[in-house]
Amino acid sequence: SYRASYFMILLYLGTIFLLYLFGKEFINKQVGILASLFFAIWPVSIEYARVSFNSFPTPFFAILFLYSLAKSLKNYRWVILSGLCFGIMMQLHYFNFFLGLLGLAWLIFKTKNKFKVTFLFILFFLIGFSPMILFEVRHNFFNTRTLWLFLTQKGMPSFKWQLHYFISLFPAAFLMIGIFLDWVLRKNKIIGILLVLLLIFLNLSRVNLFRKN
């Protein structure tokens, strides 16, 4: 439906803004601009923003998760938002578990109020994940049994790795791209500008801007 498509587009616009905000606040403004720019013109993110699929909203919640984790170092209450985001991400795809686990480990390692932070994170994760818990209880733990069968099935002949399984890592990847390009620009401005222009051309040349559906 059109409403679902518009919602997806808004989420991806929000992801672009949050990438810029994260880079500006925690690294530098140029990293924020570069990371958000290349996420905005990446053909894969444009394609995902056009389609309503269960895991495709993940980048918005992933960058919001990372942003709230970084903010929680100064104010532990931000861990409430990171827990909620992790719960929503786990509803979208179980592969997002690894990002949440790394985030929790990082919080425990970095913060002083370890018990309080861990408790709040887990509590609000459960709140964010509660719709899936209720679904599982109502439907005889359908997804849990399916996941268990998938993990215990020998060989898993029908399983194929796909890019969207790693969708929660997209924001972090583009922040790293922004950091790399920022480093090149600082080392040699001319080479950096040429590299940025080349990457812009390569991305836009693969995007069908005039597709009607």
N, C-alpha and C. Protein backbone atom coordinates (compact mmCIF):
# COMPACT_ATOMS: atom_id res chain seq x y z
N SER A 1 0.84 -1.19 0.00
CA SER A 1 0.00 0.00 0.00
C SER A 1 0.87 1.24 0.00
N TYR A 2 0.27 2.37 -0.44
CA TYR A 2 1.02 3.63 -0.49
C TYR A 2 1.42 4.09 0.90
N ARG A 3 0.54 3.87 1.89
CA ARG A 3 0.85 4.32 3.25
C ARG A 3 2.10 3.62 3.79
N ALA A 4 2.20 2.32 3.55
CA ALA A 4 3.38 1.58 3.99
C ALA A 4 4.64 2.10 3.30
N SER A 5 4.52 2.40 2.00
CA SER A 5 5.67 2.92 1.25
C SER A 5 6.10 4.28 1.79
N TYR A 6 5.14 5.15 2.07
CA TYR A 6 5.47 6.47 2.61
C TYR A 6 6.13 6.34 3.99
N PHE A 7 5.64 5.39 4.80
CA PHE A 7 6.22 5.17 6.12
C PHE A 7 7.67 4.72 6.00
N MET A 8 7.94 3.80 5.05
CA MET A 8 9.31 3.33 4.83
C MET A 8 10.21 4.48 4.40
N ILE A 9 9.72 5.33 3.50
CA ILE A 9 10.52 6.47 3.04
C ILE A 9 10.85 7.40 4.20
N LEU A 10 9.86 7.65 5.07
CA LEU A 10 10.09 8.51 6.24
C LEU A 10 11.15 7.92 7.16
N LEU A 11 11.11 6.58 7.35
CA LEU A 11 12.11 5.93 8.19
C LEU A 11 13.51 6.09 7.61
N TYR A 12 13.63 5.96 6.30
CA TYR A 12 14.95 6.09 5.69
C TYR A 12 15.43 7.54 5.68
N LEU A 13 14.52 8.49 5.54
CA LEU A 13 14.90 9.90 5.69
C LEU A 13 15.38 10.16 7.12
N GLY A 14 14.70 9.55 8.08
CA GLY A 14 15.11 9.67 9.48
C GLY A 14 16.48 9.05 9.71
N THR A 15 16.76 7.95 9.03
CA THR A 15 18.07 7.30 9.15
C THR A 15 19.18 8.21 8.63
N ILE A 16 18.91 8.87 7.50
CA ILE A 16 19.89 9.81 6.93
C ILE A 16 20.19 10.93 7.93
N PHE A 17 19.14 11.49 8.53
CA PHE A 17 19.33 12.57 9.50
C PHE A 17 20.10 12.09 10.72
N LEU A 18 19.76 10.91 11.24
CA LEU A 18 20.43 10.40 12.43
C LEU A 18 21.89 10.04 12.17
N LEU A 19 22.20 9.59 10.97
CA LEU A 19 23.60 9.34 10.62
C LEU A 19 24.40 10.65 10.67
N TYR A 20 23.81 11.70 10.11
CA TYR A 20 24.46 13.01 10.16
C TYR A 20 24.63 13.47 11.60
N LEU A 21 23.56 13.31 12.40
CA LEU A 21 23.59 13.76 13.79
C LEU A 21 24.63 12.99 14.60
N PHE A 22 24.67 11.68 14.41
CA PHE A 22 25.65 10.86 15.14
C PHE A 22 27.07 11.29 14.79
N GLY A 23 27.35 11.41 13.48
CA GLY A 23 28.69 11.82 13.07
C GLY A 23 29.06 13.18 13.61
N LYS A 24 28.15 14.12 13.54
CA LYS A 24 28.42 15.48 14.01
C LYS A 24 28.70 15.52 15.50
N GLU A 25 27.90 14.79 16.29
CA GLU A 25 28.03 14.85 17.75
C GLU A 25 29.21 14.05 18.29
N PHE A 26 29.48 12.90 17.69
CA PHE A 26 30.45 11.99 18.30
C PHE A 26 31.75 11.83 17.52
N ILE A 27 31.80 12.33 16.28
CA ILE A 27 33.04 12.25 15.51
C ILE A 27 33.38 13.66 15.01
N ASN A 28 32.83 14.04 13.87
CA ASN A 28 32.91 15.43 13.41
C ASN A 28 31.86 15.65 12.33
N LYS A 29 31.60 16.90 12.01
CA LYS A 29 30.52 17.25 11.10
C LYS A 29 30.73 16.66 9.70
N GLN A 30 31.99 16.67 9.24
CA GLN A 30 32.26 16.16 7.90
C GLN A 30 31.96 14.67 7.79
N VAL A 31 32.27 13.92 8.82
CA VAL A 31 31.95 12.48 8.84
C VAL A 31 30.43 12.29 8.76
N GLY A 32 29.69 13.11 9.52
CA GLY A 32 28.24 13.02 9.48
C GLY A 32 27.67 13.30 8.10
N ILE A 33 28.20 14.31 7.44
CA ILE A 33 27.74 14.66 6.09
C ILE A 33 28.05 13.53 5.11
N LEU A 34 29.27 13.02 5.15
CA LEU A 34 29.68 11.97 4.21
C LEU A 34 28.92 10.67 4.44
N ALA A 35 28.75 10.28 5.71
CA ALA A 35 28.04 9.03 6.02
C ALA A 35 26.58 9.12 5.56
N SER A 36 25.92 10.22 5.87
CA SER A 36 24.52 10.38 5.50
C SER A 36 24.35 10.53 3.99
N LEU A 37 25.29 11.23 3.35
CA LEU A 37 25.23 11.40 1.89
C LEU A 37 25.28 10.05 1.17
N PHE A 38 26.25 9.22 1.53
CA PHE A 38 26.41 7.96 0.80
C PHE A 38 25.35 6.93 1.16
N PHE A 39 24.81 7.00 2.37
CA PHE A 39 23.67 6.14 2.67
C PHE A 39 22.47 6.58 1.84
N ALA A 40 22.30 7.90 1.66
CA ALA A 40 21.15 8.44 0.93
C ALA A 40 21.16 8.04 -0.54
N ILE A 41 22.35 7.93 -1.14
CA ILE A 41 22.43 7.64 -2.58
C ILE A 41 22.82 6.19 -2.87
N TRP A 42 23.00 5.38 -1.83
CA TRP A 42 23.35 3.97 -2.05
C TRP A 42 22.16 3.25 -2.69
N PRO A 43 22.35 2.61 -3.83
CA PRO A 43 21.23 1.96 -4.51
C PRO A 43 20.45 0.96 -3.65
N VAL A 44 21.16 0.24 -2.78
CA VAL A 44 20.50 -0.76 -1.93
C VAL A 44 19.55 -0.08 -0.94
N SER A 45 20.00 0.98 -0.28
CA SER A 45 19.13 1.66 0.69
C SER A 45 17.95 2.31 -0.01
N ILE A 46 18.16 2.83 -1.24
CA ILE A 46 17.04 3.40 -2.00
C ILE A 46 16.02 2.32 -2.34
N GLU A 47 16.51 1.16 -2.74
CA GLU A 47 15.62 0.05 -3.08
C GLU A 47 14.86 -0.43 -1.85
N TYR A 48 15.56 -0.56 -0.71
CA TYR A 48 14.91 -1.01 0.51
C TYR A 48 13.87 0.00 0.98
N ALA A 49 14.11 1.29 0.74
CA ALA A 49 13.16 2.32 1.15
C ALA A 49 11.89 2.29 0.31
N ARG A 50 11.93 1.62 -0.83
CA ARG A 50 10.78 1.56 -1.73
C ARG A 50 9.89 0.34 -1.45
N VAL A 51 10.36 -0.55 -0.60
CA VAL A 51 9.67 -1.83 -0.40
C VAL A 51 9.31 -2.02 1.06
N SER A 52 8.11 -2.51 1.31
CA SER A 52 7.69 -2.82 2.68
C SER A 52 7.97 -4.29 2.97
N PHE A 53 9.03 -4.53 3.74
CA PHE A 53 9.44 -5.89 4.10
C PHE A 53 9.85 -5.87 5.56
N ASN A 54 9.68 -6.99 6.27
CA ASN A 54 9.77 -6.97 7.73
C ASN A 54 11.10 -6.44 8.26
N SER A 55 12.23 -6.75 7.61
CA SER A 55 13.52 -6.33 8.16
C SER A 55 14.00 -4.97 7.64
N PHE A 56 13.36 -4.42 6.62
CA PHE A 56 13.87 -3.21 5.97
C PHE A 56 13.81 -1.95 6.84
N PRO A 57 12.92 -1.81 7.84
CA PRO A 57 12.98 -0.63 8.71
C PRO A 57 14.16 -0.63 9.69
N THR A 58 14.93 -1.72 9.73
CA THR A 58 15.97 -1.88 10.74
C THR A 58 16.99 -0.74 10.80
N PRO A 59 17.51 -0.20 9.66
CA PRO A 59 18.54 0.84 9.77
C PRO A 59 18.15 2.03 10.64
N PHE A 60 16.88 2.43 10.59
CA PHE A 60 16.45 3.56 11.43
C PHE A 60 16.62 3.23 12.90
N PHE A 61 16.14 2.06 13.31
CA PHE A 61 16.23 1.68 14.72
C PHE A 61 17.66 1.33 15.12
N ALA A 62 18.47 0.86 14.16
CA ALA A 62 19.87 0.54 14.45
C ALA A 62 20.67 1.80 14.74
N ILE A 63 20.50 2.85 13.93
CA ILE A 63 21.26 4.08 14.19
C ILE A 63 20.73 4.79 15.43
N LEU A 64 19.41 4.69 15.67
CA LEU A 64 18.85 5.25 16.90
C LEU A 64 19.37 4.49 18.11
N PHE A 65 19.54 3.19 17.96
CA PHE A 65 20.12 2.34 19.01
C PHE A 65 21.55 2.77 19.31
N LEU A 66 22.36 2.95 18.25
CA LEU A 66 23.75 3.37 18.44
C LEU A 66 23.84 4.77 19.04
N TYR A 67 22.97 5.65 18.58
CA TYR A 67 22.97 7.03 19.08
C TYR A 67 22.64 7.06 20.57
N SER A 68 21.60 6.31 20.97
CA SER A 68 21.20 6.31 22.38
C SER A 68 22.25 5.61 23.25
N LEU A 69 22.94 4.61 22.70
CA LEU A 69 24.03 3.98 23.45
C LEU A 69 25.14 4.99 23.74
N ALA A 70 25.52 5.76 22.72
CA ALA A 70 26.57 6.76 22.90
C ALA A 70 26.14 7.84 23.89
N LYS A 71 24.87 8.24 23.82
CA LYS A 71 24.37 9.28 24.74
C LYS A 71 24.28 8.77 26.17
N SER A 72 24.10 7.45 26.34
CA SER A 72 23.92 6.88 27.67
C SER A 72 25.18 6.96 28.53
N LEU A 73 26.33 7.21 27.90
CA LEU A 73 27.56 7.35 28.68
C LEU A 73 27.52 8.60 29.55
N LYS A 74 26.83 9.63 29.09
CA LYS A 74 26.70 10.86 29.87
C LYS A 74 25.42 10.88 30.71
N ASN A 75 24.39 10.20 30.22
CA ASN A 75 23.12 10.14 30.94
C ASN A 75 22.54 8.74 30.77
N TYR A 76 22.60 7.95 31.83
CA TYR A 76 22.23 6.53 31.73
C TYR A 76 20.78 6.31 31.31
N ARG A 77 19.93 7.36 31.44
CA ARG A 77 18.52 7.21 31.07
C ARG A 77 18.33 6.95 29.58
N TRP A 78 19.33 7.31 28.77
CA TRP A 78 19.24 7.03 27.34
C TRP A 78 19.21 5.53 27.06
N VAL A 79 19.63 4.72 28.05
CA VAL A 79 19.61 3.27 27.85
C VAL A 79 18.18 2.76 27.70
N ILE A 80 17.22 3.51 28.18
CA ILE A 80 15.80 3.16 28.00
C ILE A 80 15.47 3.09 26.51
N LEU A 81 15.90 4.11 25.77
CA LEU A 81 15.65 4.15 24.33
C LEU A 81 16.42 3.05 23.60
N SER A 82 17.64 2.80 24.02
CA SER A 82 18.42 1.74 23.35
C SER A 82 17.78 0.37 23.58
N GLY A 83 17.26 0.13 24.78
CA GLY A 83 16.57 -1.13 25.04
C GLY A 83 15.32 -1.29 24.20
N LEU A 84 14.53 -0.21 24.07
CA LEU A 84 13.32 -0.24 23.24
C LEU A 84 13.68 -0.52 21.77
N CYS A 85 14.71 0.16 21.29
CA CYS A 85 15.13 -0.04 19.90
C CYS A 85 15.57 -1.48 19.66
N PHE A 86 16.30 -2.04 20.61
CA PHE A 86 16.73 -3.43 20.46
C PHE A 86 15.54 -4.37 20.42
N GLY A 87 14.53 -4.12 21.25
CA GLY A 87 13.33 -4.94 21.24
C GLY A 87 12.61 -4.88 19.90
N ILE A 88 12.52 -3.68 19.33
CA ILE A 88 11.87 -3.52 18.02
C ILE A 88 12.70 -4.20 16.94
N MET A 89 14.03 -4.05 17.00
CA MET A 89 14.90 -4.68 16.02
C MET A 89 14.78 -6.20 16.05
N MET A 90 14.61 -6.77 17.23
CA MET A 90 14.48 -8.22 17.34
C MET A 90 13.15 -8.70 16.76
N GLN A 91 12.14 -7.84 16.77
CA GLN A 91 10.88 -8.19 16.10
C GLN A 91 11.07 -8.21 14.59
N LEU A 92 11.93 -7.32 14.09
CA LEU A 92 12.11 -7.20 12.65
C LEU A 92 12.95 -8.35 12.09
N HIS A 93 13.99 -8.77 12.83
CA HIS A 93 14.81 -9.90 12.36
C HIS A 93 15.67 -10.40 13.51
N TYR A 94 15.73 -11.72 13.68
CA TYR A 94 16.49 -12.30 14.78
C TYR A 94 18.00 -12.11 14.62
N PHE A 95 18.49 -11.86 13.41
CA PHE A 95 19.92 -11.62 13.22
C PHE A 95 20.36 -10.32 13.88
N ASN A 96 19.41 -9.44 14.21
CA ASN A 96 19.74 -8.19 14.90
C ASN A 96 20.19 -8.43 16.34
N PHE A 97 20.04 -9.66 16.79
CA PHE A 97 20.44 -10.03 18.15
C PHE A 97 21.91 -9.70 18.42
N PHE A 98 22.75 -9.90 17.41
CA PHE A 98 24.20 -9.73 17.61
C PHE A 98 24.56 -8.27 17.89
N LEU A 99 23.90 -7.33 17.20
CA LEU A 99 24.16 -5.91 17.45
C LEU A 99 23.73 -5.54 18.86
N GLY A 100 22.56 -6.02 19.30
CA GLY A 100 22.08 -5.74 20.64
C GLY A 100 22.98 -6.32 21.71
N LEU A 101 23.47 -7.53 21.48
CA LEU A 101 24.36 -8.17 22.44
C LEU A 101 25.67 -7.39 22.57
N LEU A 102 26.22 -6.95 21.44
CA LEU A 102 27.44 -6.14 21.47
C LEU A 102 27.20 -4.81 22.19
N GLY A 103 26.02 -4.22 21.94
CA GLY A 103 25.68 -2.96 22.60
C GLY A 103 25.58 -3.10 24.10
N LEU A 104 24.95 -4.17 24.56
CA LEU A 104 24.82 -4.41 25.99
C LEU A 104 26.19 -4.66 26.63
N ALA A 105 27.03 -5.45 25.96
CA ALA A 105 28.38 -5.71 26.48
C ALA A 105 29.18 -4.41 26.59
N TRP A 106 29.05 -3.56 25.59
CA TRP A 106 29.75 -2.27 25.59
C TRP A 106 29.27 -1.39 26.73
N LEU A 107 27.94 -1.40 26.97
CA LEU A 107 27.38 -0.62 28.07
C LEU A 107 27.93 -1.09 29.41
N ILE A 108 27.91 -2.39 29.62
CA ILE A 108 28.39 -2.95 30.89
C ILE A 108 29.86 -2.61 31.11
N PHE A 109 30.63 -2.64 30.03
CA PHE A 109 32.06 -2.35 30.13
C PHE A 109 32.33 -0.87 30.40
N LYS A 110 31.53 0.02 29.81
CA LYS A 110 31.81 1.45 29.83
C LYS A 110 31.16 2.22 30.98
N THR A 111 30.01 1.77 31.47
CA THR A 111 29.26 2.56 32.45
C THR A 111 29.62 2.16 33.88
N LYS A 112 29.38 3.09 34.80
CA LYS A 112 29.65 2.85 36.21
C LYS A 112 28.48 2.12 36.88
N ASN A 113 27.24 2.56 36.58
CA ASN A 113 26.06 1.93 37.18
C ASN A 113 25.68 0.68 36.41
N LYS A 114 26.51 -0.34 36.48
CA LYS A 114 26.34 -1.52 35.65
C LYS A 114 25.02 -2.23 35.90
N PHE A 115 24.64 -2.41 37.17
CA PHE A 115 23.41 -3.13 37.48
C PHE A 115 22.20 -2.34 36.99
N LYS A 116 22.16 -1.05 37.28
CA LYS A 116 21.02 -0.22 36.89
C LYS A 116 20.88 -0.16 35.37
N VAL A 117 22.01 0.02 34.69
CA VAL A 117 21.99 0.11 33.22
C VAL A 117 21.53 -1.21 32.61
N THR A 118 22.07 -2.33 33.11
CA THR A 118 21.68 -3.64 32.59
C THR A 118 20.20 -3.91 32.83
N PHE A 119 19.72 -3.58 34.02
CA PHE A 119 18.31 -3.80 34.36
C PHE A 119 17.40 -3.00 33.44
N LEU A 120 17.71 -1.71 33.26
CA LEU A 120 16.88 -0.86 32.40
C LEU A 120 16.91 -1.33 30.95
N PHE A 121 18.09 -1.72 30.49
CA PHE A 121 18.22 -2.19 29.10
C PHE A 121 17.35 -3.42 28.87
N ILE A 122 17.45 -4.40 29.76
CA ILE A 122 16.69 -5.64 29.60
C ILE A 122 15.20 -5.39 29.76
N LEU A 123 14.82 -4.55 30.74
CA LEU A 123 13.41 -4.24 30.97
C LEU A 123 12.77 -3.61 29.74
N PHE A 124 13.41 -2.60 29.17
CA PHE A 124 12.82 -1.92 28.03
C PHE A 124 13.00 -2.70 26.73
N PHE A 125 13.98 -3.60 26.70
CA PHE A 125 14.03 -4.54 25.59
C PHE A 125 12.78 -5.43 25.60
N LEU A 126 12.42 -5.93 26.76
CA LEU A 126 11.24 -6.78 26.87
C LEU A 126 9.97 -6.02 26.51
N ILE A 127 9.91 -4.72 26.88
CA ILE A 127 8.75 -3.91 26.51
C ILE A 127 8.70 -3.74 24.99
N GLY A 128 9.85 -3.44 24.38
CA GLY A 128 9.90 -3.28 22.93
C GLY A 128 9.62 -4.57 22.19
N PHE A 129 9.97 -5.70 22.80
CA PHE A 129 9.80 -7.01 22.19
C PHE A 129 8.46 -7.65 22.55
N SER A 130 7.70 -7.00 23.44
CA SER A 130 6.47 -7.60 23.98
C SER A 130 5.44 -7.99 22.93
N PRO A 131 5.24 -7.23 21.83
CA PRO A 131 4.28 -7.70 20.81
C PRO A 131 4.64 -9.08 20.27
N MET A 132 5.93 -9.33 20.06
CA MET A 132 6.34 -10.65 19.58
C MET A 132 6.14 -11.72 20.65
N ILE A 133 6.40 -11.38 21.90
CA ILE A 133 6.16 -12.33 22.99
C ILE A 133 4.69 -12.72 23.05
N LEU A 134 3.81 -11.72 22.95
CA LEU A 134 2.36 -11.99 22.97
C LEU A 134 1.94 -12.82 21.77
N PHE A 135 2.51 -12.54 20.63
CA PHE A 135 2.22 -13.32 19.43
C PHE A 135 2.63 -14.78 19.63
N GLU A 136 3.81 -14.98 20.18
CA GLU A 136 4.32 -16.34 20.41
C GLU A 136 3.42 -17.11 21.37
N VAL A 137 3.02 -16.46 22.47
CA VAL A 137 2.15 -17.12 23.45
C VAL A 137 0.82 -17.50 22.81
N ARG A 138 0.29 -16.60 22.01
CA ARG A 138 -1.03 -16.82 21.39
C ARG A 138 -0.97 -17.90 20.31
N HIS A 139 0.18 -18.05 19.64
CA HIS A 139 0.29 -18.97 18.50
C HIS A 139 1.22 -20.14 18.80
N ASN A 140 1.23 -20.57 20.05
CA ASN A 140 1.94 -21.78 20.44
C ASN A 140 3.43 -21.72 20.09
N PHE A 141 4.02 -20.53 20.29
CA PHE A 141 5.46 -20.31 20.09
C PHE A 141 5.91 -20.74 18.69
N PHE A 142 5.15 -20.29 17.70
CA PHE A 142 5.41 -20.67 16.30
C PHE A 142 6.81 -20.25 15.84
N ASN A 143 7.17 -18.98 16.04
CA ASN A 143 8.48 -18.49 15.58
C ASN A 143 9.63 -19.13 16.35
N THR A 144 9.42 -19.35 17.65
CA THR A 144 10.47 -19.97 18.47
C THR A 144 10.74 -21.39 18.00
N ARG A 145 9.68 -22.13 17.73
CA ARG A 145 9.85 -23.51 17.25
C ARG A 145 10.49 -23.53 15.87
N THR A 146 10.11 -22.57 15.02
CA THR A 146 10.71 -22.49 13.69
C THR A 146 12.20 -22.18 13.77
N LEU A 147 12.55 -21.22 14.67
CA LEU A 147 13.96 -20.86 14.85
C LEU A 147 14.75 -22.04 15.39
N TRP A 148 14.17 -22.76 16.34
CA TRP A 148 14.86 -23.92 16.91
C TRP A 148 15.08 -25.00 15.85
N LEU A 149 14.09 -25.22 15.02
CA LEU A 149 14.21 -26.19 13.93
C LEU A 149 15.30 -25.77 12.96
N PHE A 150 15.35 -24.46 12.66
CA PHE A 150 16.37 -23.93 11.76
C PHE A 150 17.77 -24.14 12.33
N LEU A 151 17.94 -23.91 13.64
CA LEU A 151 19.26 -24.02 14.27
C LEU A 151 19.71 -25.46 14.43
N THR A 152 18.77 -26.38 14.58
CA THR A 152 19.11 -27.78 14.85
C THR A 152 19.09 -28.64 13.60
N GLN A 153 18.56 -28.09 12.49
CA GLN A 153 18.51 -28.86 11.25
C GLN A 153 19.90 -29.02 10.67
N LYS A 154 20.31 -30.23 10.44
CA LYS A 154 21.66 -30.50 9.94
C LYS A 154 21.75 -30.12 8.46
N GLY A 155 22.79 -29.38 8.17
CA GLY A 155 23.05 -29.02 6.77
C GLY A 155 22.37 -27.75 6.32
N MET A 156 21.15 -27.52 6.76
CA MET A 156 20.36 -26.36 6.37
C MET A 156 20.44 -26.12 4.85
N PRO A 157 19.98 -27.08 4.03
CA PRO A 157 20.19 -26.98 2.58
C PRO A 157 19.52 -25.78 1.94
N SER A 158 18.43 -25.29 2.50
CA SER A 158 17.69 -24.21 1.87
C SER A 158 18.17 -22.82 2.30
N PHE A 159 19.13 -22.78 3.21
CA PHE A 159 19.56 -21.47 3.74
C PHE A 159 20.60 -20.83 2.84
N LYS A 160 20.40 -19.54 2.54
CA LYS A 160 21.35 -18.76 1.78
C LYS A 160 21.54 -17.41 2.45
N TRP A 161 22.79 -17.02 2.62
CA TRP A 161 23.07 -15.72 3.20
C TRP A 161 22.61 -14.63 2.24
N GLN A 162 21.91 -13.64 2.79
CA GLN A 162 21.44 -12.52 2.00
C GLN A 162 21.84 -11.21 2.68
N LEU A 163 21.94 -10.15 1.89
CA LEU A 163 22.44 -8.88 2.39
C LEU A 163 21.58 -8.34 3.53
N HIS A 164 20.26 -8.52 3.42
CA HIS A 164 19.38 -7.91 4.43
C HIS A 164 19.51 -8.57 5.81
N TYR A 165 20.19 -9.72 5.89
CA TYR A 165 20.45 -10.31 7.20
C TYR A 165 21.38 -9.43 8.03
N PHE A 166 22.19 -8.61 7.36
CA PHE A 166 23.16 -7.75 8.03
C PHE A 166 22.72 -6.29 8.03
N ILE A 167 21.43 -6.08 7.86
CA ILE A 167 20.92 -4.71 7.68
C ILE A 167 21.15 -3.83 8.90
N SER A 168 21.21 -4.43 10.09
CA SER A 168 21.45 -3.64 11.30
C SER A 168 22.85 -3.05 11.34
N LEU A 169 23.76 -3.58 10.51
CA LEU A 169 25.13 -3.09 10.47
C LEU A 169 25.32 -1.97 9.45
N PHE A 170 24.30 -1.68 8.64
CA PHE A 170 24.43 -0.66 7.60
C PHE A 170 24.85 0.70 8.16
N PRO A 171 24.18 1.22 9.21
CA PRO A 171 24.58 2.54 9.72
C PRO A 171 26.04 2.59 10.17
N ALA A 172 26.48 1.56 10.90
CA ALA A 172 27.87 1.51 11.36
C ALA A 172 28.82 1.47 10.17
N ALA A 173 28.45 0.73 9.12
CA ALA A 173 29.30 0.62 7.93
C ALA A 173 29.46 1.98 7.26
N PHE A 174 28.37 2.74 7.18
CA PHE A 174 28.46 4.04 6.52
C PHE A 174 29.16 5.08 7.38
N LEU A 175 29.09 4.93 8.67
CA LEU A 175 29.89 5.80 9.54
C LEU A 175 31.38 5.52 9.32
N MET A 176 31.73 4.25 9.13
CA MET A 176 33.13 3.90 8.86
C MET A 176 33.57 4.44 7.50
N ILE A 177 32.68 4.39 6.52
CA ILE A 177 32.98 4.98 5.21
C ILE A 177 33.21 6.48 5.35
N GLY A 178 32.35 7.14 6.15
CA GLY A 178 32.51 8.56 6.40
C GLY A 178 33.84 8.89 7.07
N ILE A 179 34.23 8.06 8.03
CA ILE A 179 35.51 8.26 8.72
C ILE A 179 36.68 8.09 7.75
N PHE A 180 36.59 7.07 6.89
CA PHE A 180 37.66 6.82 5.92
C PHE A 180 37.80 7.98 4.93
N LEU A 181 36.66 8.44 4.38
CA LEU A 181 36.70 9.54 3.41
C LEU A 181 37.17 10.83 4.06
N ASP A 182 36.76 11.05 5.30
CA ASP A 182 37.21 12.23 6.04
C ASP A 182 38.73 12.19 6.21
N TRP A 183 39.27 11.00 6.49
CA TRP A 183 40.72 10.83 6.65
C TRP A 183 41.45 11.12 5.33
N VAL A 184 40.91 10.61 4.21
CA VAL A 184 41.51 10.86 2.90
C VAL A 184 41.50 12.35 2.57
N LEU A 185 40.37 13.01 2.84
CA LEU A 185 40.26 14.44 2.57
C LEU A 185 41.25 15.27 3.38
N ARG A 186 41.50 14.83 4.59
CA ARG A 186 42.46 15.55 5.43
C ARG A 186 43.91 15.31 4.99
N LYS A 187 44.16 14.10 4.47
CA LYS A 187 45.51 13.78 4.01
C LYS A 187 45.83 14.46 2.68
N ASN A 188 44.87 14.39 1.75
CA ASN A 188 45.06 14.97 0.43
C ASN A 188 43.70 15.42 -0.10
N LYS A 189 43.44 16.70 -0.05
CA LYS A 189 42.12 17.23 -0.38
C LYS A 189 41.71 16.93 -1.82
N ILE A 190 42.64 17.06 -2.76
CA ILE A 190 42.31 16.83 -4.17
C ILE A 190 41.91 15.38 -4.41
N ILE A 191 42.74 14.45 -3.90
CA ILE A 191 42.42 13.01 -4.06
C ILE A 191 41.10 12.69 -3.35
N GLY A 192 40.89 13.26 -2.17
CA GLY A 192 39.66 13.03 -1.42
C GLY A 192 38.44 13.50 -2.18
N ILE A 193 38.50 14.69 -2.77
CA ILE A 193 37.37 15.23 -3.54
C ILE A 193 37.10 14.37 -4.76
N LEU A 194 38.16 13.95 -5.46
CA LEU A 194 37.99 13.09 -6.64
C LEU A 194 37.37 11.75 -6.25
N LEU A 195 37.79 11.19 -5.12
CA LEU A 195 37.24 9.92 -4.65
C LEU A 195 35.77 10.06 -4.29
N VAL A 196 35.43 11.14 -3.60
CA VAL A 196 34.03 11.38 -3.24
C VAL A 196 33.16 11.53 -4.49
N LEU A 197 33.64 12.32 -5.47
CA LEU A 197 32.89 12.52 -6.71
C LEU A 197 32.73 11.21 -7.49
N LEU A 198 33.80 10.40 -7.49
CA LEU A 198 33.73 9.10 -8.17
C LEU A 198 32.68 8.20 -7.52
N LEU A 199 32.69 8.15 -6.20
CA LEU A 199 31.72 7.31 -5.48
C LEU A 199 30.29 7.81 -5.68
N ILE A 200 30.11 9.12 -5.72
CA ILE A 200 28.78 9.68 -5.99
C ILE A 200 28.31 9.25 -7.38
N PHE A 201 29.19 9.36 -8.36
CA PHE A 201 28.84 8.97 -9.74
C PHE A 201 28.50 7.48 -9.82
N LEU A 202 29.32 6.64 -9.21
CA LEU A 202 29.10 5.19 -9.27
C LEU A 202 27.78 4.80 -8.62
N ASN A 203 27.43 5.47 -7.52
CA ASN A 203 26.16 5.17 -6.86
C ASN A 203 24.96 5.64 -7.67
N LEU A 204 25.00 6.89 -8.11
CA LEU A 204 23.85 7.45 -8.83
C LEU A 204 23.66 6.79 -10.19
N SER A 205 24.73 6.32 -10.80
CA SER A 205 24.62 5.65 -12.11
C SER A 205 23.87 4.33 -12.01
N ARG A 206 23.76 3.78 -10.79
CA ARG A 206 23.07 2.50 -10.60
C ARG A 206 21.65 2.68 -10.07
N VAL A 207 21.21 3.92 -9.94
CA VAL A 207 19.87 4.18 -9.39
C VAL A 207 18.92 4.59 -10.51
N ASN A 208 17.79 3.89 -10.58
CA ASN A 208 16.75 4.26 -11.55
C ASN A 208 15.86 5.32 -10.90
N LEU A 209 16.19 6.58 -11.15
CA LEU A 209 15.47 7.69 -10.50
C LEU A 209 14.05 7.87 -11.06
N PHE A 210 13.78 7.30 -12.21
CA PHE A 210 12.50 7.56 -12.88
C PHE A 210 11.57 6.35 -12.85
N ARG A 211 11.88 5.38 -11.99
CA ARG A 211 10.99 4.22 -11.86
C ARG A 211 9.68 4.66 -11.24
N LYS A 212 8.56 4.21 -11.77
CA LYS A 212 7.24 4.72 -11.34
C LYS A 212 6.64 3.89 -10.21
N ASN A 213 7.13 2.68 -9.96
CA ASN A 213 6.53 1.87 -8.89
C ASN A 213 7.46 1.78 -7.71
